[in-house]
Amino acid sequence: MAWLLGLSPYTWIMIAFMALLFLVMILGDIGGIDFDHDLGGGGDIDGGVSPLSLPIMASFGAAFGGFGTIFEYLQYGPVLTPILAAACAALVGAGMYVLMLNVFVKTQAETKVDLETLVGYKGQVLVPVRPGQPGQIVVVTEARGRTLLQAVADQEITTDEHVIVESVVGNSVKVHKV
């Protein structure tokens, strides 16, 4: 037990952050609390990964402790050891960020719909469309499958009627009966 007290502070840092990494791995996140922070328009809003997410910060901390332990053992000195440890940990954190970005963000399907590409497609009315009051239609495409759209029309179109998308009006599509 005496060997525990003789461990380097860098080793204790590594142990603490490794425990946090395993906790995050097991729970997925700490109690459902979101620790990500939005930097410059990124983050969860646009589907991006924050460089300050809990797994990345814990990877940095564990790497800092691990490299600090190594550099301290190699007797790099009290000034050079934390500088080298921080530089190596920054590389590990940056690598983890790039890995998470490529694995979790870039592999996700794109959910944005370019309404202009749907002009000419047939759809079916789900919520009746009345002049001056938008309704809702569903359009089926090969690329996206079922797509729900807000629709406007110059005439009344009831539920389950088939329509054709004729143009885009703001965030809606203008339709007419088949």
Protein backbone atom coordinates (compact mmCIF):
# COMPACT_ATOMS: atom_id res chain seq x y z
CA MET A 1 0.00 0.00 0.00
CA ALA A 2 2.96 2.31 0.56
CA TRP A 3 3.72 2.26 -3.17
CA LEU A 4 0.42 4.04 -3.80
CA LEU A 5 1.53 7.08 -1.86
CA GLY A 6 4.80 7.23 -3.79
CA LEU A 7 3.13 7.58 -7.20
CA SER A 8 3.85 10.62 -9.30
CA PRO A 9 1.22 13.36 -9.51
CA TYR A 10 1.19 12.71 -13.26
CA THR A 11 0.33 9.07 -12.62
CA TRP A 12 -2.57 10.12 -10.37
CA ILE A 13 -3.80 12.48 -13.11
CA MET A 14 -3.64 9.63 -15.62
CA ILE A 15 -5.50 7.24 -13.28
CA ALA A 16 -8.25 9.79 -12.58
CA PHE A 17 -8.84 10.59 -16.25
CA MET A 18 -8.68 6.90 -17.26
CA ALA A 19 -11.38 6.21 -14.66
CA LEU A 20 -13.43 9.05 -16.17
CA LEU A 21 -12.93 7.62 -19.67
CA PHE A 22 -14.14 4.19 -18.54
CA LEU A 23 -17.11 5.78 -16.78
CA VAL A 24 -18.02 7.68 -19.96
CA MET A 25 -17.59 4.50 -22.00
CA ILE A 26 -19.88 2.53 -19.70
CA LEU A 27 -22.57 5.20 -19.18
CA GLY A 28 -22.35 6.92 -22.55
CA ASP A 29 -22.34 10.25 -20.72
CA ILE A 30 -22.43 11.29 -17.10
CA GLY A 31 -26.05 10.97 -16.02
CA GLY A 32 -27.37 12.36 -19.29
CA ILE A 33 -25.75 15.76 -18.62
CA ASP A 34 -24.39 17.37 -21.78
CA PHE A 35 -20.84 18.60 -21.18
CA ASP A 36 -20.23 19.71 -24.80
CA HIS A 37 -19.68 23.40 -25.39
CA ASP A 38 -20.41 25.24 -28.61
CA LEU A 39 -17.39 26.97 -30.13
CA GLY A 40 -17.96 29.35 -33.01
CA GLY A 41 -21.17 27.91 -34.38
CA GLY A 42 -20.14 24.25 -34.18
CA GLY A 43 -21.26 21.77 -31.57
CA ASP A 44 -24.56 19.96 -31.47
CA ILE A 45 -26.52 22.52 -33.48
CA ASP A 46 -25.03 21.59 -36.83
CA GLY A 47 -24.24 17.98 -35.96
CA GLY A 48 -20.59 18.67 -35.21
CA VAL A 49 -18.41 17.36 -32.41
CA SER A 50 -17.16 19.87 -29.88
CA PRO A 51 -13.43 19.84 -29.12
CA LEU A 52 -14.46 20.33 -25.47
CA SER A 53 -16.58 17.19 -25.29
CA LEU A 54 -16.08 14.98 -22.25
CA PRO A 55 -14.37 12.05 -24.06
CA ILE A 56 -11.88 14.37 -25.78
CA MET A 57 -11.06 16.27 -22.60
CA ALA A 58 -10.68 13.00 -20.67
CA SER A 59 -8.38 11.65 -23.41
CA PHE A 60 -6.27 14.80 -23.11
CA GLY A 61 -6.09 14.44 -19.32
CA ALA A 62 -5.17 10.75 -19.44
CA ALA A 63 -2.52 11.40 -22.10
CA PHE A 64 -1.13 14.34 -20.09
CA GLY A 65 -0.77 12.14 -17.03
CA GLY A 66 0.73 9.26 -19.01
CA PHE A 67 3.26 11.36 -20.88
CA GLY A 68 4.03 13.35 -17.73
CA THR A 69 4.81 10.09 -15.92
CA ILE A 70 7.10 8.99 -18.76
CA PHE A 71 8.93 12.31 -19.02
CA GLU A 72 9.28 12.54 -15.24
CA TYR A 73 10.75 9.01 -15.15
CA LEU A 74 13.20 10.05 -17.90
CA GLN A 75 14.13 13.03 -15.69
CA TYR A 76 13.36 15.81 -18.16
CA GLY A 77 13.07 18.28 -15.29
CA PRO A 78 10.21 20.13 -13.58
CA VAL A 79 9.85 22.72 -16.39
CA LEU A 80 10.22 20.59 -19.52
CA THR A 81 8.13 17.64 -18.27
CA PRO A 82 4.73 19.45 -18.13
CA ILE A 83 5.44 21.32 -21.39
CA LEU A 84 6.25 18.11 -23.30
CA ALA A 85 3.36 16.27 -21.60
CA ALA A 86 0.91 19.03 -22.58
CA ALA A 87 2.20 19.06 -26.18
CA CYS A 88 1.89 15.28 -26.54
CA ALA A 89 -1.53 15.31 -24.85
CA ALA A 90 -2.67 18.04 -27.25
CA LEU A 91 -1.70 15.77 -30.15
CA VAL A 92 -3.67 12.91 -28.59
CA GLY A 93 -6.69 15.18 -27.99
CA ALA A 94 -6.53 16.52 -31.56
CA GLY A 95 -6.29 12.96 -32.90
CA MET A 96 -9.29 11.93 -30.82
CA TYR A 97 -11.24 14.94 -32.13
CA VAL A 98 -10.44 14.05 -35.75
CA LEU A 99 -11.31 10.40 -35.11
CA MET A 100 -14.66 11.27 -33.54
CA LEU A 101 -15.40 13.74 -36.32
CA ASN A 102 -14.75 11.12 -39.00
CA VAL A 103 -16.49 8.24 -37.23
CA PHE A 104 -19.55 9.93 -35.75
CA VAL A 105 -20.26 12.98 -37.89
CA LYS A 106 -19.15 12.29 -41.44
CA THR A 107 -20.73 8.81 -41.48
CA GLN A 108 -24.19 10.16 -40.64
CA ALA A 109 -26.72 10.50 -43.42
CA GLU A 110 -27.51 14.02 -44.57
CA THR A 111 -31.01 15.05 -43.49
CA LYS A 112 -31.30 18.38 -45.28
CA VAL A 113 -33.66 18.47 -48.24
CA ASP A 114 -33.04 20.68 -51.26
CA LEU A 115 -36.65 21.56 -52.12
CA GLU A 116 -35.71 22.52 -55.71
CA THR A 117 -34.85 18.87 -56.46
CA LEU A 118 -38.43 17.83 -55.59
CA VAL A 119 -40.09 19.99 -58.28
CA GLY A 120 -42.04 17.66 -60.57
CA TYR A 121 -42.38 14.87 -58.01
CA LYS A 122 -45.75 13.38 -57.09
CA GLY A 123 -46.94 13.50 -53.51
CA GLN A 124 -49.90 12.69 -51.32
CA VAL A 125 -51.70 15.13 -49.04
CA LEU A 126 -51.59 14.28 -45.33
CA VAL A 127 -52.98 17.56 -43.94
CA PRO A 128 -55.50 19.38 -46.17
CA VAL A 129 -54.16 22.36 -48.12
CA ARG A 130 -56.35 25.46 -48.41
CA PRO A 131 -55.65 28.77 -50.15
CA GLY A 132 -53.75 30.96 -47.67
CA GLN A 133 -53.34 28.08 -45.22
CA PRO A 134 -50.49 25.57 -45.57
CA GLY A 135 -50.99 21.85 -45.37
CA GLN A 136 -48.63 18.90 -45.43
CA ILE A 137 -47.72 16.39 -48.12
CA VAL A 138 -45.46 13.36 -48.30
CA VAL A 139 -43.15 12.82 -51.28
CA VAL A 140 -41.33 9.52 -51.81
CA THR A 141 -37.91 9.62 -53.51
CA GLU A 142 -35.28 6.94 -54.05
CA ALA A 143 -32.57 8.96 -52.35
CA ARG A 144 -34.46 9.92 -49.17
CA GLY A 145 -37.53 7.72 -48.95
CA ARG A 146 -40.54 9.45 -47.37
CA THR A 147 -40.16 13.21 -47.00
CA LEU A 148 -42.76 15.34 -45.21
CA LEU A 149 -43.15 18.84 -46.65
CA GLN A 150 -45.19 21.91 -45.88
CA ALA A 151 -47.33 22.67 -48.93
CA VAL A 152 -49.34 25.62 -50.23
CA ALA A 153 -51.82 25.75 -53.12
CA ASP A 154 -54.17 28.09 -54.95
CA GLN A 155 -57.06 25.65 -54.52
CA GLU A 156 -58.37 23.45 -51.73
CA ILE A 157 -56.86 19.96 -51.74
CA THR A 158 -58.20 17.37 -49.29
CA THR A 159 -56.46 14.56 -47.43
CA ASP A 160 -55.19 11.57 -49.48
CA GLU A 161 -55.39 13.41 -52.82
CA HIS A 162 -52.38 13.16 -55.10
CA VAL A 163 -50.49 16.32 -56.03
CA ILE A 164 -47.48 17.40 -58.07
CA VAL A 165 -44.83 19.76 -56.69
CA GLU A 166 -44.72 22.73 -59.08
CA SER A 167 -42.37 25.19 -57.34
CA VAL A 168 -40.71 26.26 -54.10
CA VAL A 169 -42.18 29.12 -52.05
CA GLY A 170 -39.90 29.97 -49.11
CA ASN A 171 -39.75 26.86 -46.90
CA SER A 172 -42.82 25.33 -48.54
CA VAL A 173 -43.61 23.76 -51.87
CA LYS A 174 -46.45 24.91 -54.10
CA VAL A 175 -48.55 22.01 -55.35
CA HIS A 176 -51.52 21.34 -57.62
CA LYS A 177 -53.87 18.37 -57.99
CA VAL A 178 -52.88 15.60 -60.38
